[in-house]
Amino acid sequence: MSEAWEAGAEPILYVVATPIGNLTDLSARAREVLGAVDRIAAEDTRNTAQLLNRLGVRKPLMSHHAHNEKQSAEGLLACLARGESVALVSDAGTPAVSDPGAAVVRLVASHGYKVVPVPGASSVLAVVAASGLVEGAFTFRGFLPAKGRDRRDQLAAWLACSEPQVLFEAPHRIVQLMDDLLAQGESLNQLDRPVCAGREM
C-alpha cells in the first residue's frame, strides 16, 4: 500500500487522469487510488462504470458534468465533510483541462481540503510531443467556439502569436477548421505556418 493511504481516512479529493482509449495507459497509482477512495465523481457514470468493471473496482459513482457542476461540487464537498475521500475523473484524460472539474477543485481547496493530482495520459502533451513543432513554449487554447465571428476572431488572435498554438476541435468540424485556418492564414500572410492534427491520441 502506498504512502497516500498510510495516513488513514483523511478526506482528500484526488484528480485522476484516465486513459485516452488505451487501458494500459492507466498508471498503477491511478488504479490504486480508484480502488481505495470512498466514491468517484465521474463526467459520465456509464463510461466510468465500464472502466471500473474492466479494473474489477466497485465504488459508488456520482455524476459530475458541465451541466450540473455547481450542484455536484456542493455534493462532493459534503462527502469530504463526512470524512470521505473522492476521486474526480473525466471520460478520458485529465479532469478540469477542457473538461468539467475546475469548479470542484476551487471549491474544495477554498474549504481547506487537500487536492492531490494523479497524473496520466494527456492528449495535449501527446500531440505536442508527436508534432515535432514545439521546442519551447506553446499555448494551449482548449476548444474554439463552434461558429461565427467569435471563432474567426479567436483564430486570428491566436495565429498572430508567434509561439505554437494547441487547440481542441470536434471531429466533425476538422475540415471547417482547416478552411478557417487557411482563410485566416492568408489574411495574415501566414500560409507557410506548419500544422499538425492528431486524433485518438
N, C-alpha and C. Protein backbone atom coordinates (compact mmCIF):
# COMPACT_ATOMS: atom_id res chain seq x y z
N MET A 1 0.85 -1.19 0.00
CA MET A 1 0.00 0.00 0.00
C MET A 1 0.88 1.24 0.00
N SER A 2 0.54 2.22 -0.79
CA SER A 2 1.39 3.40 -0.93
C SER A 2 1.19 4.34 0.25
N GLU A 3 2.09 5.32 0.37
CA GLU A 3 2.04 6.26 1.48
C GLU A 3 0.79 7.11 1.46
N ALA A 4 0.11 7.21 0.31
CA ALA A 4 -1.11 8.01 0.23
C ALA A 4 -2.18 7.47 1.16
N TRP A 5 -2.12 6.16 1.48
CA TRP A 5 -3.18 5.55 2.27
C TRP A 5 -2.72 5.20 3.67
N GLU A 6 -1.46 5.38 4.00
CA GLU A 6 -0.97 5.03 5.32
C GLU A 6 -1.43 5.99 6.39
N ALA A 7 -1.79 7.23 6.00
CA ALA A 7 -2.19 8.24 6.99
C ALA A 7 -3.60 8.01 7.50
N GLY A 8 -4.37 7.08 6.91
CA GLY A 8 -5.73 6.83 7.37
C GLY A 8 -6.75 7.47 6.45
N ALA A 9 -7.95 7.63 6.98
CA ALA A 9 -9.08 8.07 6.17
C ALA A 9 -9.19 9.58 6.12
N GLU A 10 -8.15 10.23 5.65
CA GLU A 10 -8.18 11.69 5.51
C GLU A 10 -9.04 12.05 4.30
N PRO A 11 -9.95 13.04 4.46
CA PRO A 11 -10.75 13.44 3.31
C PRO A 11 -9.89 14.19 2.28
N ILE A 12 -9.75 13.60 1.11
CA ILE A 12 -8.90 14.14 0.05
C ILE A 12 -9.67 14.05 -1.26
N LEU A 13 -9.52 15.07 -2.10
CA LEU A 13 -10.01 15.00 -3.47
C LEU A 13 -8.83 14.62 -4.35
N TYR A 14 -8.94 13.49 -5.02
CA TYR A 14 -7.93 13.05 -5.98
C TYR A 14 -8.41 13.39 -7.39
N VAL A 15 -7.61 14.11 -8.15
CA VAL A 15 -7.93 14.45 -9.53
C VAL A 15 -7.17 13.46 -10.40
N VAL A 16 -7.91 12.47 -10.92
CA VAL A 16 -7.29 11.29 -11.52
C VAL A 16 -7.42 11.32 -13.05
N ALA A 17 -6.29 11.26 -13.73
CA ALA A 17 -6.28 11.15 -15.19
C ALA A 17 -6.62 9.72 -15.58
N THR A 18 -7.49 9.58 -16.60
CA THR A 18 -7.88 8.26 -17.08
C THR A 18 -7.36 8.06 -18.50
N PRO A 19 -7.34 6.84 -18.98
CA PRO A 19 -6.76 6.57 -20.31
C PRO A 19 -7.52 7.28 -21.43
N ILE A 20 -6.81 7.56 -22.51
CA ILE A 20 -7.40 8.16 -23.70
C ILE A 20 -7.48 7.05 -24.76
N GLY A 21 -8.29 6.05 -24.48
CA GLY A 21 -8.51 4.99 -25.46
C GLY A 21 -7.68 3.74 -25.26
N ASN A 22 -6.66 3.77 -24.42
CA ASN A 22 -5.83 2.58 -24.22
C ASN A 22 -5.72 2.32 -22.72
N LEU A 23 -6.38 1.27 -22.25
CA LEU A 23 -6.47 0.99 -20.82
C LEU A 23 -5.10 0.84 -20.18
N THR A 24 -4.11 0.37 -20.94
CA THR A 24 -2.79 0.15 -20.35
C THR A 24 -2.08 1.46 -20.02
N ASP A 25 -2.63 2.59 -20.47
CA ASP A 25 -2.04 3.89 -20.09
C ASP A 25 -2.42 4.30 -18.67
N LEU A 26 -3.37 3.60 -18.04
CA LEU A 26 -3.74 3.92 -16.67
C LEU A 26 -2.61 3.50 -15.74
N SER A 27 -2.12 4.43 -14.93
CA SER A 27 -0.98 4.13 -14.07
C SER A 27 -1.38 3.21 -12.91
N ALA A 28 -0.40 2.53 -12.36
CA ALA A 28 -0.64 1.69 -11.19
C ALA A 28 -1.15 2.53 -10.03
N ARG A 29 -0.64 3.75 -9.91
CA ARG A 29 -1.11 4.64 -8.84
C ARG A 29 -2.57 5.01 -9.03
N ALA A 30 -2.96 5.31 -10.28
CA ALA A 30 -4.37 5.65 -10.54
C ALA A 30 -5.27 4.47 -10.20
N ARG A 31 -4.87 3.26 -10.57
CA ARG A 31 -5.64 2.06 -10.22
C ARG A 31 -5.80 1.96 -8.70
N GLU A 32 -4.71 2.18 -7.99
CA GLU A 32 -4.75 2.08 -6.53
C GLU A 32 -5.68 3.12 -5.93
N VAL A 33 -5.61 4.34 -6.42
CA VAL A 33 -6.46 5.40 -5.89
C VAL A 33 -7.93 5.09 -6.17
N LEU A 34 -8.25 4.70 -7.40
CA LEU A 34 -9.64 4.39 -7.75
C LEU A 34 -10.19 3.24 -6.90
N GLY A 35 -9.32 2.31 -6.55
CA GLY A 35 -9.75 1.19 -5.72
C GLY A 35 -9.86 1.52 -4.25
N ALA A 36 -9.24 2.60 -3.80
CA ALA A 36 -9.17 2.89 -2.38
C ALA A 36 -10.09 4.02 -1.92
N VAL A 37 -10.48 4.94 -2.82
CA VAL A 37 -11.33 6.05 -2.40
C VAL A 37 -12.72 5.55 -2.01
N ASP A 38 -13.46 6.41 -1.31
CA ASP A 38 -14.82 6.05 -0.89
C ASP A 38 -15.82 6.15 -2.03
N ARG A 39 -15.62 7.11 -2.93
CA ARG A 39 -16.53 7.26 -4.07
C ARG A 39 -15.81 7.98 -5.21
N ILE A 40 -16.45 7.93 -6.39
CA ILE A 40 -15.84 8.51 -7.59
C ILE A 40 -16.85 9.46 -8.23
N ALA A 41 -16.41 10.69 -8.50
CA ALA A 41 -17.22 11.67 -9.23
C ALA A 41 -16.81 11.61 -10.69
N ALA A 42 -17.79 11.31 -11.57
CA ALA A 42 -17.49 11.00 -12.96
C ALA A 42 -18.23 11.92 -13.92
N GLU A 43 -17.55 12.28 -15.02
CA GLU A 43 -18.19 13.09 -16.05
C GLU A 43 -19.38 12.34 -16.66
N ASP A 44 -19.20 11.07 -16.95
CA ASP A 44 -20.29 10.22 -17.43
C ASP A 44 -20.19 8.90 -16.66
N THR A 45 -21.14 8.66 -15.77
CA THR A 45 -21.05 7.48 -14.90
C THR A 45 -21.07 6.18 -15.70
N ARG A 46 -21.72 6.18 -16.87
CA ARG A 46 -21.75 4.95 -17.69
C ARG A 46 -20.36 4.62 -18.21
N ASN A 47 -19.65 5.63 -18.71
CA ASN A 47 -18.29 5.38 -19.20
C ASN A 47 -17.36 4.95 -18.08
N THR A 48 -17.47 5.65 -16.94
CA THR A 48 -16.60 5.31 -15.82
C THR A 48 -16.92 3.93 -15.27
N ALA A 49 -18.19 3.55 -15.26
CA ALA A 49 -18.57 2.21 -14.80
C ALA A 49 -17.92 1.13 -15.67
N GLN A 50 -17.84 1.37 -16.97
CA GLN A 50 -17.17 0.41 -17.87
C GLN A 50 -15.68 0.30 -17.53
N LEU A 51 -15.05 1.46 -17.28
CA LEU A 51 -13.63 1.45 -16.91
C LEU A 51 -13.43 0.68 -15.60
N LEU A 52 -14.25 0.98 -14.61
CA LEU A 52 -14.11 0.32 -13.31
C LEU A 52 -14.38 -1.18 -13.41
N ASN A 53 -15.35 -1.58 -14.23
CA ASN A 53 -15.63 -3.01 -14.43
C ASN A 53 -14.41 -3.72 -14.99
N ARG A 54 -13.73 -3.07 -15.93
CA ARG A 54 -12.53 -3.68 -16.53
C ARG A 54 -11.39 -3.78 -15.51
N LEU A 55 -11.42 -2.87 -14.52
CA LEU A 55 -10.39 -2.90 -13.47
C LEU A 55 -10.79 -3.79 -12.30
N GLY A 56 -12.05 -4.25 -12.29
CA GLY A 56 -12.54 -5.03 -11.16
C GLY A 56 -12.76 -4.19 -9.91
N VAL A 57 -13.10 -2.91 -10.10
CA VAL A 57 -13.30 -1.99 -8.98
C VAL A 57 -14.79 -1.67 -8.86
N ARG A 58 -15.31 -1.74 -7.63
CA ARG A 58 -16.72 -1.37 -7.38
C ARG A 58 -16.74 -0.23 -6.37
N LYS A 59 -17.19 0.91 -6.81
CA LYS A 59 -17.27 2.10 -5.96
C LYS A 59 -18.56 2.85 -6.27
N PRO A 60 -19.13 3.54 -5.29
CA PRO A 60 -20.28 4.41 -5.59
C PRO A 60 -19.85 5.52 -6.55
N LEU A 61 -20.70 5.77 -7.55
CA LEU A 61 -20.42 6.81 -8.53
C LEU A 61 -21.38 7.96 -8.34
N MET A 62 -20.87 9.18 -8.50
CA MET A 62 -21.72 10.36 -8.52
C MET A 62 -21.45 11.11 -9.82
N SER A 63 -22.49 11.71 -10.37
CA SER A 63 -22.39 12.39 -11.65
C SER A 63 -21.82 13.79 -11.48
N HIS A 64 -20.82 14.11 -12.29
CA HIS A 64 -20.24 15.46 -12.28
C HIS A 64 -19.92 15.84 -13.71
N HIS A 65 -20.74 16.73 -14.30
CA HIS A 65 -20.51 17.14 -15.68
C HIS A 65 -20.80 18.62 -15.84
N ALA A 66 -20.62 19.12 -17.04
CA ALA A 66 -20.70 20.57 -17.29
C ALA A 66 -22.06 21.15 -16.91
N HIS A 67 -23.12 20.34 -16.98
CA HIS A 67 -24.47 20.87 -16.75
C HIS A 67 -24.91 20.81 -15.30
N ASN A 68 -24.16 20.12 -14.44
CA ASN A 68 -24.53 20.06 -13.02
C ASN A 68 -23.36 20.40 -12.12
N GLU A 69 -22.38 21.11 -12.66
CA GLU A 69 -21.10 21.30 -11.97
C GLU A 69 -21.26 21.96 -10.60
N LYS A 70 -22.09 22.98 -10.50
CA LYS A 70 -22.25 23.68 -9.22
C LYS A 70 -22.88 22.78 -8.18
N GLN A 71 -23.97 22.09 -8.55
CA GLN A 71 -24.65 21.22 -7.59
C GLN A 71 -23.77 20.03 -7.18
N SER A 72 -23.10 19.44 -8.15
CA SER A 72 -22.27 18.28 -7.81
C SER A 72 -21.05 18.69 -7.00
N ALA A 73 -20.55 19.90 -7.22
CA ALA A 73 -19.44 20.39 -6.39
C ALA A 73 -19.85 20.47 -4.93
N GLU A 74 -21.07 20.96 -4.69
CA GLU A 74 -21.58 21.03 -3.31
C GLU A 74 -21.74 19.62 -2.73
N GLY A 75 -22.24 18.69 -3.54
CA GLY A 75 -22.39 17.32 -3.07
C GLY A 75 -21.06 16.68 -2.76
N LEU A 76 -20.08 16.94 -3.60
CA LEU A 76 -18.75 16.40 -3.38
C LEU A 76 -18.13 16.98 -2.11
N LEU A 77 -18.36 18.27 -1.88
CA LEU A 77 -17.87 18.91 -0.66
C LEU A 77 -18.50 18.26 0.58
N ALA A 78 -19.78 17.92 0.49
CA ALA A 78 -20.46 17.26 1.62
C ALA A 78 -19.83 15.90 1.90
N CYS A 79 -19.43 15.19 0.86
CA CYS A 79 -18.76 13.90 1.05
C CYS A 79 -17.45 14.07 1.82
N LEU A 80 -16.68 15.07 1.42
CA LEU A 80 -15.41 15.34 2.12
C LEU A 80 -15.67 15.72 3.57
N ALA A 81 -16.73 16.49 3.81
CA ALA A 81 -17.06 16.91 5.18
C ALA A 81 -17.41 15.71 6.05
N ARG A 82 -17.90 14.64 5.45
CA ARG A 82 -18.20 13.40 6.19
C ARG A 82 -16.95 12.55 6.39
N GLY A 83 -15.80 13.03 5.89
CA GLY A 83 -14.55 12.30 6.05
C GLY A 83 -14.23 11.35 4.92
N GLU A 84 -15.00 11.42 3.83
CA GLU A 84 -14.76 10.52 2.71
C GLU A 84 -13.65 11.05 1.79
N SER A 85 -13.01 10.14 1.10
CA SER A 85 -12.08 10.51 0.03
C SER A 85 -12.80 10.29 -1.29
N VAL A 86 -12.53 11.18 -2.26
CA VAL A 86 -13.24 11.16 -3.53
C VAL A 86 -12.24 11.28 -4.68
N ALA A 87 -12.46 10.48 -5.72
CA ALA A 87 -11.68 10.63 -6.96
C ALA A 87 -12.54 11.33 -8.00
N LEU A 88 -12.00 12.34 -8.63
CA LEU A 88 -12.67 13.06 -9.71
C LEU A 88 -12.06 12.59 -11.02
N VAL A 89 -12.91 12.11 -11.94
CA VAL A 89 -12.42 11.64 -13.24
C VAL A 89 -13.27 12.24 -14.36
N SER A 90 -12.69 12.34 -15.54
CA SER A 90 -13.45 12.69 -16.74
C SER A 90 -13.51 11.44 -17.61
N ASP A 91 -14.16 11.55 -18.76
CA ASP A 91 -14.31 10.38 -19.62
C ASP A 91 -12.97 9.90 -20.17
N ALA A 92 -12.06 10.82 -20.44
CA ALA A 92 -10.74 10.46 -20.96
C ALA A 92 -9.80 11.61 -20.70
N GLY A 93 -8.62 11.29 -20.18
CA GLY A 93 -7.64 12.34 -19.90
C GLY A 93 -7.79 12.91 -18.51
N THR A 94 -7.43 14.17 -18.36
CA THR A 94 -7.35 14.81 -17.05
C THR A 94 -8.54 15.73 -16.80
N PRO A 95 -9.24 15.55 -15.69
CA PRO A 95 -10.35 16.46 -15.37
C PRO A 95 -9.86 17.90 -15.26
N ALA A 96 -10.75 18.84 -15.55
CA ALA A 96 -10.51 20.28 -15.41
C ALA A 96 -9.62 20.86 -16.51
N VAL A 97 -9.24 20.04 -17.50
CA VAL A 97 -8.50 20.54 -18.66
C VAL A 97 -9.41 20.37 -19.87
N SER A 98 -10.15 21.41 -20.21
CA SER A 98 -11.20 21.36 -21.23
C SER A 98 -12.24 20.29 -20.92
N ASP A 99 -12.38 19.94 -19.67
CA ASP A 99 -13.39 19.03 -19.15
C ASP A 99 -13.87 19.60 -17.82
N PRO A 100 -15.05 19.19 -17.34
CA PRO A 100 -15.51 19.68 -16.03
C PRO A 100 -14.52 19.33 -14.93
N GLY A 101 -14.48 20.15 -13.89
CA GLY A 101 -13.63 19.84 -12.74
C GLY A 101 -13.04 21.04 -12.05
N ALA A 102 -12.78 22.11 -12.78
CA ALA A 102 -12.13 23.27 -12.17
C ALA A 102 -12.96 23.87 -11.04
N ALA A 103 -14.28 23.93 -11.21
CA ALA A 103 -15.14 24.49 -10.16
C ALA A 103 -15.07 23.66 -8.89
N VAL A 104 -15.02 22.34 -9.04
CA VAL A 104 -14.91 21.45 -7.88
C VAL A 104 -13.59 21.68 -7.16
N VAL A 105 -12.51 21.71 -7.92
CA VAL A 105 -11.19 21.88 -7.31
C VAL A 105 -11.12 23.20 -6.55
N ARG A 106 -11.65 24.28 -7.15
CA ARG A 106 -11.64 25.58 -6.47
C ARG A 106 -12.42 25.53 -5.16
N LEU A 107 -13.62 24.96 -5.21
CA LEU A 107 -14.47 24.91 -4.02
C LEU A 107 -13.83 24.08 -2.93
N VAL A 108 -13.33 22.91 -3.28
CA VAL A 108 -12.70 22.02 -2.30
C VAL A 108 -11.49 22.70 -1.66
N ALA A 109 -10.62 23.30 -2.48
CA ALA A 109 -9.43 23.97 -1.95
C ALA A 109 -9.81 25.15 -1.07
N SER A 110 -10.86 25.88 -1.45
CA SER A 110 -11.26 27.06 -0.67
C SER A 110 -11.79 26.67 0.71
N HIS A 111 -12.21 25.42 0.88
CA HIS A 111 -12.68 24.94 2.18
C HIS A 111 -11.58 24.22 2.95
N GLY A 112 -10.37 24.28 2.44
CA GLY A 112 -9.22 23.76 3.18
C GLY A 112 -8.93 22.29 3.02
N TYR A 113 -9.62 21.62 2.11
CA TYR A 113 -9.35 20.21 1.89
C TYR A 113 -8.18 20.04 0.93
N LYS A 114 -7.50 18.92 1.07
CA LYS A 114 -6.35 18.63 0.23
C LYS A 114 -6.81 18.15 -1.14
N VAL A 115 -6.16 18.67 -2.19
CA VAL A 115 -6.39 18.23 -3.56
C VAL A 115 -5.09 17.60 -4.06
N VAL A 116 -5.18 16.34 -4.49
CA VAL A 116 -3.99 15.60 -4.90
C VAL A 116 -4.15 15.17 -6.36
N PRO A 117 -3.30 15.64 -7.28
CA PRO A 117 -3.38 15.19 -8.66
C PRO A 117 -2.76 13.80 -8.83
N VAL A 118 -3.38 12.99 -9.67
CA VAL A 118 -2.83 11.69 -10.04
C VAL A 118 -2.65 11.75 -11.56
N PRO A 119 -1.47 12.17 -12.03
CA PRO A 119 -1.27 12.44 -13.45
C PRO A 119 -1.29 11.18 -14.29
N GLY A 120 -1.52 11.40 -15.58
CA GLY A 120 -1.55 10.27 -16.51
C GLY A 120 -1.59 10.77 -17.93
N ALA A 121 -2.35 10.07 -18.76
CA ALA A 121 -2.42 10.40 -20.18
C ALA A 121 -2.90 11.82 -20.40
N SER A 122 -2.27 12.52 -21.35
CA SER A 122 -2.64 13.88 -21.71
C SER A 122 -2.63 14.02 -23.22
N SER A 123 -3.80 14.26 -23.81
CA SER A 123 -3.86 14.41 -25.27
C SER A 123 -3.07 15.63 -25.72
N VAL A 124 -3.05 16.68 -24.89
CA VAL A 124 -2.31 17.89 -25.24
C VAL A 124 -0.81 17.57 -25.37
N LEU A 125 -0.25 16.97 -24.36
CA LEU A 125 1.19 16.67 -24.39
C LEU A 125 1.52 15.60 -25.41
N ALA A 126 0.59 14.66 -25.63
CA ALA A 126 0.84 13.61 -26.63
C ALA A 126 0.99 14.21 -28.02
N VAL A 127 0.09 15.11 -28.39
CA VAL A 127 0.17 15.69 -29.74
C VAL A 127 1.34 16.67 -29.85
N VAL A 128 1.63 17.39 -28.77
CA VAL A 128 2.80 18.29 -28.79
C VAL A 128 4.08 17.48 -29.01
N ALA A 129 4.22 16.39 -28.28
CA ALA A 129 5.43 15.57 -28.41
C ALA A 129 5.54 14.94 -29.79
N ALA A 130 4.41 14.51 -30.35
CA ALA A 130 4.43 13.82 -31.64
C ALA A 130 4.51 14.77 -32.83
N SER A 131 4.24 16.05 -32.61
CA SER A 131 4.20 17.00 -33.72
C SER A 131 5.59 17.39 -34.23
N GLY A 132 6.56 17.45 -33.34
CA GLY A 132 7.88 17.94 -33.71
C GLY A 132 7.92 19.44 -33.95
N LEU A 133 6.84 20.14 -33.59
CA LEU A 133 6.76 21.58 -33.87
C LEU A 133 7.05 22.45 -32.65
N VAL A 134 7.25 21.83 -31.48
CA VAL A 134 7.39 22.60 -30.24
C VAL A 134 8.74 22.29 -29.61
N GLU A 135 9.56 23.32 -29.46
CA GLU A 135 10.85 23.15 -28.81
C GLU A 135 10.93 23.93 -27.51
N GLY A 136 9.99 24.79 -27.26
CA GLY A 136 9.99 25.58 -26.03
C GLY A 136 8.55 25.81 -25.59
N ALA A 137 8.17 27.07 -25.50
CA ALA A 137 6.83 27.41 -25.04
C ALA A 137 5.78 27.13 -26.10
N PHE A 138 4.58 26.82 -25.63
CA PHE A 138 3.41 26.74 -26.50
C PHE A 138 2.21 27.20 -25.69
N THR A 139 1.14 27.53 -26.37
CA THR A 139 -0.08 27.96 -25.69
C THR A 139 -1.20 26.97 -25.98
N PHE A 140 -1.82 26.46 -24.91
CA PHE A 140 -2.97 25.57 -25.06
C PHE A 140 -4.24 26.40 -24.97
N ARG A 141 -5.10 26.32 -25.97
CA ARG A 141 -6.28 27.17 -26.07
C ARG A 141 -7.59 26.47 -25.74
N GLY A 142 -7.61 25.14 -25.66
CA GLY A 142 -8.86 24.44 -25.42
C GLY A 142 -9.72 24.42 -26.67
N PHE A 143 -11.05 24.43 -26.49
CA PHE A 143 -11.97 24.36 -27.61
C PHE A 143 -12.26 25.74 -28.18
N LEU A 144 -12.35 25.80 -29.50
CA LEU A 144 -12.80 27.01 -30.19
C LEU A 144 -14.32 27.14 -30.07
N PRO A 145 -14.85 28.35 -30.18
CA PRO A 145 -16.30 28.48 -30.39
C PRO A 145 -16.69 27.71 -31.65
N ALA A 146 -17.89 27.16 -31.67
CA ALA A 146 -18.30 26.30 -32.77
C ALA A 146 -18.41 27.04 -34.10
N LYS A 147 -18.82 28.29 -34.07
CA LYS A 147 -19.01 29.02 -35.33
C LYS A 147 -19.09 30.51 -35.07
N GLY A 148 -19.21 31.26 -36.17
CA GLY A 148 -19.46 32.69 -36.07
C GLY A 148 -18.23 33.55 -35.92
N ARG A 149 -18.50 34.79 -35.63
CA ARG A 149 -17.43 35.79 -35.55
C ARG A 149 -16.45 35.51 -34.41
N ASP A 150 -16.97 35.03 -33.26
CA ASP A 150 -16.07 34.70 -32.14
C ASP A 150 -15.02 33.69 -32.56
N ARG A 151 -15.43 32.70 -33.34
CA ARG A 151 -14.50 31.69 -33.81
C ARG A 151 -13.42 32.31 -34.70
N ARG A 152 -13.84 33.11 -35.67
CA ARG A 152 -12.88 33.75 -36.58
C ARG A 152 -11.96 34.70 -35.82
N ASP A 153 -12.51 35.48 -34.89
CA ASP A 153 -11.69 36.43 -34.14
C ASP A 153 -10.66 35.73 -33.28
N GLN A 154 -11.08 34.64 -32.63
CA GLN A 154 -10.12 33.91 -31.79
C GLN A 154 -9.02 33.29 -32.64
N LEU A 155 -9.37 32.69 -33.76
CA LEU A 155 -8.34 32.12 -34.64
C LEU A 155 -7.36 33.18 -35.11
N ALA A 156 -7.87 34.35 -35.48
CA ALA A 156 -6.99 35.43 -35.94
C ALA A 156 -6.04 35.86 -34.84
N ALA A 157 -6.56 35.99 -33.61
CA ALA A 157 -5.72 36.39 -32.48
C ALA A 157 -4.66 35.34 -32.18
N TRP A 158 -5.03 34.06 -32.25
CA TRP A 158 -4.08 33.01 -31.94
C TRP A 158 -2.99 32.91 -33.01
N LEU A 159 -3.39 33.06 -34.27
CA LEU A 159 -2.40 32.99 -35.34
C LEU A 159 -1.43 34.16 -35.31
N ALA A 160 -1.84 35.26 -34.69
CA ALA A 160 -0.94 36.41 -34.56
C ALA A 160 0.16 36.16 -33.54
N CYS A 161 0.00 35.14 -32.70
CA CYS A 161 1.03 34.78 -31.72
C CYS A 161 2.11 33.93 -32.40
N SER A 162 3.35 34.20 -32.08
CA SER A 162 4.44 33.50 -32.76
C SER A 162 4.66 32.09 -32.22
N GLU A 163 4.34 31.84 -30.96
CA GLU A 163 4.59 30.51 -30.41
C GLU A 163 3.52 29.52 -30.89
N PRO A 164 3.83 28.22 -30.90
CA PRO A 164 2.84 27.23 -31.33
C PRO A 164 1.57 27.29 -30.50
N GLN A 165 0.44 27.11 -31.17
CA GLN A 165 -0.87 27.14 -30.54
C GLN A 165 -1.47 25.73 -30.60
N VAL A 166 -2.02 25.27 -29.48
CA VAL A 166 -2.63 23.95 -29.42
C VAL A 166 -4.09 24.13 -29.06
N LEU A 167 -4.97 23.51 -29.83
CA LEU A 167 -6.40 23.65 -29.56
C LEU A 167 -7.11 22.33 -29.81
N PHE A 168 -8.31 22.22 -29.22
CA PHE A 168 -9.17 21.08 -29.43
C PHE A 168 -10.25 21.45 -30.44
N GLU A 169 -10.69 20.46 -31.20
CA GLU A 169 -11.80 20.66 -32.12
C GLU A 169 -12.57 19.35 -32.24
N ALA A 170 -13.89 19.46 -32.41
CA ALA A 170 -14.72 18.28 -32.61
C ALA A 170 -14.40 17.64 -33.96
N PRO A 171 -14.42 16.30 -34.04
CA PRO A 171 -14.05 15.63 -35.29
C PRO A 171 -14.85 16.10 -36.50
N HIS A 172 -16.14 16.38 -36.32
CA HIS A 172 -16.96 16.76 -37.48
C HIS A 172 -16.69 18.19 -37.94
N ARG A 173 -15.85 18.94 -37.20
CA ARG A 173 -15.52 20.30 -37.64
C ARG A 173 -14.07 20.45 -38.08
N ILE A 174 -13.35 19.36 -38.27
CA ILE A 174 -11.94 19.44 -38.65
C ILE A 174 -11.77 20.09 -40.02
N VAL A 175 -12.59 19.70 -41.00
CA VAL A 175 -12.46 20.29 -42.34
C VAL A 175 -12.76 21.79 -42.27
N GLN A 176 -13.78 22.15 -41.50
CA GLN A 176 -14.09 23.57 -41.33
C GLN A 176 -12.93 24.31 -40.66
N LEU A 177 -12.30 23.67 -39.68
CA LEU A 177 -11.15 24.29 -39.02
C LEU A 177 -10.03 24.55 -40.02
N MET A 178 -9.73 23.58 -40.88
CA MET A 178 -8.67 23.78 -41.85
C MET A 178 -9.02 24.90 -42.82
N ASP A 179 -10.29 24.97 -43.23
CA ASP A 179 -10.72 26.07 -44.10
C ASP A 179 -10.55 27.41 -43.39
N ASP A 180 -10.95 27.46 -42.12
CA ASP A 180 -10.82 28.70 -41.34
C ASP A 180 -9.36 29.10 -41.16
N LEU A 181 -8.50 28.11 -40.91
CA LEU A 181 -7.07 28.40 -40.75
C LEU A 181 -6.47 28.94 -42.04
N LEU A 182 -6.85 28.35 -43.17
CA LEU A 182 -6.34 28.83 -44.45
C LEU A 182 -6.79 30.26 -44.72
N ALA A 183 -8.06 30.55 -44.42
CA ALA A 183 -8.57 31.90 -44.65
C ALA A 183 -7.87 32.91 -43.75
N GLN A 184 -7.70 32.56 -42.48
CA GLN A 184 -7.03 33.49 -41.55
C GLN A 184 -5.54 33.59 -41.87
N GLY A 185 -4.92 32.47 -42.23
CA GLY A 185 -3.51 32.50 -42.58
C GLY A 185 -3.23 33.35 -43.80
N GLU A 186 -4.14 33.28 -44.77
CA GLU A 186 -3.98 34.10 -45.97
C GLU A 186 -4.08 35.58 -45.62
N SER A 187 -5.03 35.95 -44.77
CA SER A 187 -5.19 37.36 -44.40
C SER A 187 -4.01 37.86 -43.58
N LEU A 188 -3.34 36.95 -42.84
CA LEU A 188 -2.18 37.34 -42.03
C LEU A 188 -0.86 37.03 -42.72
N ASN A 189 -0.92 36.57 -43.98
CA ASN A 189 0.28 36.19 -44.72
C ASN A 189 1.08 35.12 -43.98
N GLN A 190 0.35 34.09 -43.47
CA GLN A 190 0.99 33.01 -42.72
C GLN A 190 0.65 31.64 -43.30
N LEU A 191 0.54 31.56 -44.61
CA LEU A 191 0.16 30.29 -45.22
C LEU A 191 1.24 29.23 -45.12
N ASP A 192 2.47 29.64 -44.77
CA ASP A 192 3.55 28.66 -44.66
C ASP A 192 3.72 28.15 -43.23
N ARG A 193 2.79 28.46 -42.34
CA ARG A 193 2.90 28.02 -40.95
C ARG A 193 2.54 26.54 -40.84
N PRO A 194 3.40 25.72 -40.25
CA PRO A 194 3.12 24.28 -40.19
C PRO A 194 1.99 23.95 -39.23
N VAL A 195 1.26 22.88 -39.53
CA VAL A 195 0.13 22.43 -38.73
C VAL A 195 0.24 20.94 -38.52
N CYS A 196 -0.10 20.48 -37.32
CA CYS A 196 -0.17 19.05 -37.03
C CYS A 196 -1.54 18.77 -36.44
N ALA A 197 -2.22 17.75 -36.94
CA ALA A 197 -3.51 17.33 -36.38
C ALA A 197 -3.37 15.93 -35.81
N GLY A 198 -3.95 15.72 -34.65
CA GLY A 198 -3.92 14.41 -34.01
C GLY A 198 -5.31 14.00 -33.58
N ARG A 199 -5.58 12.70 -33.64
CA ARG A 199 -6.86 12.18 -33.19
C ARG A 199 -6.64 10.86 -32.49
N GLU A 200 -7.49 10.56 -31.49
CA GLU A 200 -7.37 9.32 -30.70
C GLU A 200 -5.95 9.19 -30.15
N MET A 201 -5.46 10.27 -29.54
CA MET A 201 -4.09 10.27 -29.05
C MET A 201 -3.91 9.43 -27.79
